[in-house]
N, C-alpha and C. Protein backbone atom coordinates (compact mmCIF):
# COMPACT_ATOMS: atom_id res chain seq x y z
N MET A 1 -34.65 34.83 9.61
CA MET A 1 -35.71 34.82 10.62
C MET A 1 -36.84 35.76 10.21
N LEU A 2 -36.48 36.97 9.79
CA LEU A 2 -37.49 37.94 9.41
C LEU A 2 -38.27 37.47 8.18
N LYS A 3 -37.56 36.88 7.22
CA LYS A 3 -38.23 36.36 6.03
C LYS A 3 -39.24 35.28 6.39
N GLY A 4 -38.87 34.44 7.33
CA GLY A 4 -39.78 33.38 7.77
C GLY A 4 -41.02 33.94 8.44
N LEU A 5 -40.84 34.97 9.25
CA LEU A 5 -42.00 35.58 9.92
C LEU A 5 -42.90 36.29 8.91
N ILE A 6 -42.28 36.91 7.92
CA ILE A 6 -43.07 37.59 6.88
C ILE A 6 -43.84 36.55 6.06
N ALA A 7 -43.20 35.44 5.75
CA ALA A 7 -43.85 34.39 4.96
C ALA A 7 -44.94 33.68 5.75
N LEU A 8 -44.86 33.74 7.07
CA LEU A 8 -45.86 33.08 7.90
C LEU A 8 -47.23 33.73 7.77
N VAL A 9 -47.26 35.03 7.55
CA VAL A 9 -48.54 35.74 7.46
C VAL A 9 -49.39 35.26 6.28
N PRO A 10 -48.88 35.29 5.03
CA PRO A 10 -49.74 34.83 3.93
C PRO A 10 -50.06 33.33 3.98
N THR A 11 -49.12 32.53 4.47
CA THR A 11 -49.42 31.10 4.54
C THR A 11 -50.50 30.81 5.58
N CYS A 12 -50.47 31.54 6.68
CA CYS A 12 -51.54 31.37 7.68
C CYS A 12 -52.88 31.87 7.15
N LEU A 13 -52.85 32.93 6.35
CA LEU A 13 -54.09 33.40 5.72
C LEU A 13 -54.65 32.35 4.76
N LEU A 14 -53.75 31.73 3.98
CA LEU A 14 -54.18 30.64 3.09
C LEU A 14 -54.78 29.50 3.89
N LEU A 15 -54.14 29.17 4.99
CA LEU A 15 -54.63 28.08 5.84
C LEU A 15 -55.99 28.41 6.43
N CYS A 16 -56.17 29.62 6.93
CA CYS A 16 -57.46 30.01 7.50
C CYS A 16 -58.56 30.02 6.45
N GLY A 17 -58.25 30.58 5.28
CA GLY A 17 -59.24 30.59 4.20
C GLY A 17 -59.61 29.20 3.74
N SER A 18 -58.62 28.33 3.66
CA SER A 18 -58.88 26.95 3.25
C SER A 18 -59.70 26.21 4.30
N ALA A 19 -59.41 26.49 5.58
CA ALA A 19 -60.17 25.85 6.66
C ALA A 19 -61.63 26.29 6.63
N VAL A 20 -61.86 27.58 6.41
CA VAL A 20 -63.24 28.08 6.33
C VAL A 20 -63.96 27.42 5.16
N LEU A 21 -63.30 27.35 4.01
CA LEU A 21 -63.90 26.72 2.84
C LEU A 21 -64.20 25.25 3.11
N PHE A 22 -63.28 24.56 3.76
CA PHE A 22 -63.48 23.14 4.04
C PHE A 22 -64.65 22.92 4.99
N PHE A 23 -64.77 23.75 6.04
CA PHE A 23 -65.85 23.54 7.01
C PHE A 23 -67.20 23.97 6.46
N ARG A 24 -67.21 24.88 5.50
CA ARG A 24 -68.47 25.26 4.87
C ARG A 24 -68.95 24.20 3.88
N ARG A 25 -67.99 23.69 3.12
CA ARG A 25 -68.34 22.74 2.07
C ARG A 25 -67.33 21.61 2.09
N LYS A 26 -67.66 20.55 2.76
CA LYS A 26 -66.73 19.43 2.91
C LYS A 26 -66.71 18.63 1.61
N ALA A 27 -65.67 18.89 0.83
CA ALA A 27 -65.51 18.20 -0.45
C ALA A 27 -64.04 17.86 -0.62
N VAL A 28 -63.76 17.01 -1.57
CA VAL A 28 -62.38 16.59 -1.83
C VAL A 28 -61.54 17.80 -2.25
N CYS A 29 -62.11 18.66 -3.06
CA CYS A 29 -61.38 19.83 -3.54
C CYS A 29 -60.94 20.73 -2.38
N SER A 30 -61.85 20.99 -1.47
CA SER A 30 -61.50 21.86 -0.34
C SER A 30 -60.54 21.16 0.62
N PHE A 31 -60.61 19.84 0.72
CA PHE A 31 -59.65 19.10 1.54
C PHE A 31 -58.25 19.19 0.95
N LEU A 32 -58.14 19.03 -0.38
CA LEU A 32 -56.84 19.16 -1.03
C LEU A 32 -56.24 20.54 -0.80
N GLN A 33 -57.09 21.54 -0.89
CA GLN A 33 -56.64 22.91 -0.65
C GLN A 33 -56.17 23.08 0.79
N LEU A 34 -56.91 22.56 1.73
CA LEU A 34 -56.55 22.65 3.14
C LEU A 34 -55.25 21.91 3.43
N PHE A 35 -55.10 20.72 2.88
CA PHE A 35 -53.89 19.94 3.11
C PHE A 35 -52.68 20.62 2.47
N GLY A 36 -52.85 21.19 1.29
CA GLY A 36 -51.77 21.92 0.63
C GLY A 36 -51.37 23.16 1.41
N ALA A 37 -52.34 23.90 1.92
CA ALA A 37 -52.03 25.09 2.72
C ALA A 37 -51.33 24.70 4.02
N SER A 38 -51.75 23.60 4.61
CA SER A 38 -51.08 23.12 5.83
C SER A 38 -49.63 22.76 5.54
N SER A 39 -49.40 22.16 4.40
CA SER A 39 -48.03 21.80 4.01
C SER A 39 -47.18 23.03 3.81
N LEU A 40 -47.75 24.09 3.26
CA LEU A 40 -46.99 25.33 3.08
C LEU A 40 -46.65 25.98 4.41
N VAL A 41 -47.55 25.86 5.38
CA VAL A 41 -47.25 26.37 6.73
C VAL A 41 -46.11 25.57 7.34
N VAL A 42 -46.09 24.26 7.11
CA VAL A 42 -45.00 23.43 7.61
C VAL A 42 -43.67 23.88 7.00
N VAL A 43 -43.66 24.23 5.72
CA VAL A 43 -42.44 24.72 5.08
C VAL A 43 -41.92 25.97 5.78
N VAL A 44 -42.81 26.90 6.04
CA VAL A 44 -42.40 28.14 6.71
C VAL A 44 -41.92 27.85 8.13
N LEU A 45 -42.61 26.97 8.82
CA LEU A 45 -42.20 26.63 10.19
C LEU A 45 -40.84 25.94 10.22
N THR A 46 -40.56 25.10 9.23
CA THR A 46 -39.23 24.46 9.21
C THR A 46 -38.14 25.49 9.03
N HIS A 47 -38.40 26.51 8.23
CA HIS A 47 -37.39 27.56 8.06
C HIS A 47 -37.23 28.39 9.33
N LEU A 48 -38.32 28.62 10.03
CA LEU A 48 -38.22 29.32 11.31
C LEU A 48 -37.49 28.47 12.35
N PHE A 49 -37.79 27.20 12.40
CA PHE A 49 -37.11 26.31 13.34
C PHE A 49 -35.62 26.22 13.04
N GLU A 50 -35.29 26.24 11.77
CA GLU A 50 -33.88 26.22 11.39
C GLU A 50 -33.18 27.50 11.83
N ALA A 51 -33.85 28.64 11.64
CA ALA A 51 -33.26 29.92 12.04
C ALA A 51 -33.09 30.02 13.55
N LEU A 52 -34.04 29.47 14.29
CA LEU A 52 -33.99 29.51 15.76
C LEU A 52 -33.19 28.36 16.36
N ASN A 53 -32.76 27.43 15.52
CA ASN A 53 -32.01 26.25 15.95
C ASN A 53 -32.81 25.41 16.94
N LEU A 54 -34.10 25.30 16.69
CA LEU A 54 -34.96 24.43 17.48
C LEU A 54 -34.89 23.02 16.93
N PHE A 55 -35.00 22.05 17.76
CA PHE A 55 -34.91 20.65 17.39
C PHE A 55 -33.65 20.36 16.58
N PRO A 56 -32.48 20.56 17.16
CA PRO A 56 -31.24 20.37 16.40
C PRO A 56 -31.04 18.93 15.92
N TRP A 57 -31.69 17.97 16.54
CA TRP A 57 -31.55 16.59 16.12
C TRP A 57 -32.16 16.35 14.73
N MET A 58 -32.92 17.33 14.20
CA MET A 58 -33.49 17.19 12.86
C MET A 58 -32.48 17.57 11.77
N HIS A 59 -31.35 18.14 12.17
CA HIS A 59 -30.30 18.53 11.22
C HIS A 59 -30.88 19.34 10.07
N TRP A 60 -31.44 20.51 10.41
CA TRP A 60 -32.16 21.34 9.46
C TRP A 60 -31.33 21.71 8.23
N GLY A 61 -30.09 22.09 8.40
CA GLY A 61 -29.31 22.60 7.28
C GLY A 61 -28.67 21.55 6.40
N SER A 62 -28.50 20.34 6.89
CA SER A 62 -27.79 19.33 6.09
C SER A 62 -28.74 18.65 5.10
N GLU A 63 -28.17 18.23 3.99
CA GLU A 63 -28.98 17.61 2.94
C GLU A 63 -29.48 16.22 3.32
N ASP A 64 -28.82 15.58 4.26
CA ASP A 64 -29.24 14.24 4.67
C ASP A 64 -30.08 14.24 5.93
N GLY A 65 -30.39 15.42 6.45
CA GLY A 65 -31.15 15.50 7.70
C GLY A 65 -32.65 15.32 7.48
N ILE A 66 -33.32 14.94 8.54
CA ILE A 66 -34.77 14.76 8.50
C ILE A 66 -35.46 16.08 8.17
N GLY A 67 -34.92 17.17 8.71
CA GLY A 67 -35.51 18.48 8.46
C GLY A 67 -35.53 18.85 6.99
N HIS A 68 -34.47 18.46 6.27
CA HIS A 68 -34.41 18.75 4.84
C HIS A 68 -35.52 18.03 4.10
N TYR A 69 -35.73 16.76 4.42
CA TYR A 69 -36.77 15.99 3.75
C TYR A 69 -38.17 16.46 4.14
N LEU A 70 -38.34 16.84 5.39
CA LEU A 70 -39.62 17.40 5.82
C LEU A 70 -39.92 18.68 5.05
N ASP A 71 -38.93 19.54 4.94
CA ASP A 71 -39.09 20.79 4.22
C ASP A 71 -39.38 20.52 2.74
N PHE A 72 -38.60 19.64 2.13
CA PHE A 72 -38.75 19.35 0.70
C PHE A 72 -40.12 18.77 0.38
N TRP A 73 -40.51 17.72 1.09
CA TRP A 73 -41.76 17.06 0.76
C TRP A 73 -42.98 17.91 1.14
N SER A 74 -42.85 18.73 2.16
CA SER A 74 -43.94 19.66 2.48
C SER A 74 -44.11 20.68 1.37
N ALA A 75 -42.98 21.16 0.83
CA ALA A 75 -43.05 22.11 -0.28
C ALA A 75 -43.66 21.46 -1.52
N VAL A 76 -43.27 20.23 -1.81
CA VAL A 76 -43.81 19.53 -2.98
C VAL A 76 -45.32 19.33 -2.81
N LEU A 77 -45.74 18.86 -1.64
CA LEU A 77 -47.17 18.64 -1.41
C LEU A 77 -47.95 19.96 -1.44
N GLY A 78 -47.40 20.98 -0.79
CA GLY A 78 -48.09 22.26 -0.75
C GLY A 78 -48.24 22.91 -2.11
N LEU A 79 -47.16 22.88 -2.89
CA LEU A 79 -47.19 23.51 -4.20
C LEU A 79 -47.91 22.67 -5.25
N THR A 80 -48.25 21.45 -4.90
CA THR A 80 -49.03 20.61 -5.80
C THR A 80 -50.51 20.58 -5.39
N LEU A 81 -50.77 20.27 -4.12
CA LEU A 81 -52.14 20.05 -3.69
C LEU A 81 -52.97 21.34 -3.59
N PHE A 82 -52.36 22.43 -3.13
CA PHE A 82 -53.14 23.66 -3.01
C PHE A 82 -53.65 24.15 -4.37
N PRO A 83 -52.78 24.25 -5.40
CA PRO A 83 -53.31 24.68 -6.70
C PRO A 83 -54.31 23.69 -7.31
N VAL A 84 -54.07 22.39 -7.12
CA VAL A 84 -55.00 21.39 -7.65
C VAL A 84 -56.36 21.54 -6.96
N GLY A 85 -56.36 21.70 -5.65
CA GLY A 85 -57.62 21.89 -4.92
C GLY A 85 -58.32 23.17 -5.31
N TYR A 86 -57.55 24.23 -5.50
CA TYR A 86 -58.13 25.52 -5.92
C TYR A 86 -58.74 25.40 -7.30
N LEU A 87 -58.02 24.78 -8.23
CA LEU A 87 -58.52 24.61 -9.59
C LEU A 87 -59.76 23.73 -9.61
N CYS A 88 -59.72 22.66 -8.86
CA CYS A 88 -60.87 21.76 -8.76
C CYS A 88 -62.09 22.51 -8.21
N HIS A 89 -61.88 23.30 -7.17
CA HIS A 89 -62.98 24.08 -6.58
C HIS A 89 -63.50 25.10 -7.57
N ALA A 90 -62.59 25.80 -8.26
CA ALA A 90 -63.01 26.82 -9.22
C ALA A 90 -63.80 26.20 -10.37
N LEU A 91 -63.35 25.06 -10.87
CA LEU A 91 -64.04 24.41 -11.97
C LEU A 91 -65.40 23.87 -11.54
N SER A 92 -65.47 23.26 -10.37
CA SER A 92 -66.76 22.72 -9.92
C SER A 92 -67.72 23.83 -9.55
N HIS A 93 -67.22 24.90 -9.00
CA HIS A 93 -68.07 26.05 -8.66
C HIS A 93 -68.57 26.73 -9.93
N GLY A 94 -67.71 26.82 -10.94
CA GLY A 94 -68.10 27.43 -12.20
C GLY A 94 -69.15 26.61 -12.94
N GLN A 95 -69.02 25.29 -12.90
CA GLN A 95 -70.00 24.42 -13.54
C GLN A 95 -71.35 24.53 -12.85
N ARG A 96 -71.32 24.62 -11.52
CA ARG A 96 -72.55 24.71 -10.78
C ARG A 96 -73.27 26.03 -11.07
N SER A 97 -72.52 27.13 -11.09
CA SER A 97 -73.16 28.41 -11.35
C SER A 97 -73.62 28.53 -12.80
N ASN A 98 -72.90 27.91 -13.75
CA ASN A 98 -73.35 27.91 -15.14
C ASN A 98 -74.62 27.07 -15.29
N GLY A 99 -74.71 25.99 -14.57
CA GLY A 99 -75.91 25.16 -14.62
C GLY A 99 -77.11 25.89 -14.05
N GLN A 100 -76.92 26.67 -13.01
CA GLN A 100 -78.01 27.41 -12.42
C GLN A 100 -78.47 28.53 -13.35
N ARG A 101 -77.56 29.15 -14.06
CA ARG A 101 -77.93 30.21 -14.99
C ARG A 101 -78.75 29.67 -16.15
N SER A 102 -78.42 28.49 -16.63
CA SER A 102 -79.13 27.95 -17.80
C SER A 102 -80.55 27.53 -17.42
N LYS A 103 -80.83 27.24 -16.16
CA LYS A 103 -82.16 26.85 -15.74
C LYS A 103 -83.11 28.03 -15.70
N ARG A 104 -82.59 29.22 -15.55
CA ARG A 104 -83.45 30.41 -15.44
C ARG A 104 -84.03 30.80 -16.73
């Protein structure tokens, strides 16, 4: 339970930062980052729900339960889309700033 609450802080910070970036600059890169951060928050919430035994019909601990698949696929999406969105944003931002420097 404590680990889940501790993990909730950085994932929520990632989500807030991604949301700010998305609303400032609506692009595919920032959307991927936002969706990936949201997926990571879902991973943390599934672990908290499992610890609190909320929604027992999801069978959080069993390998064949819906909760397991929700946790797994959220982790896969989060750990894939957030870095891809971040890299895409960093590369596009770097190209834009390099282009502006060469014009001066």
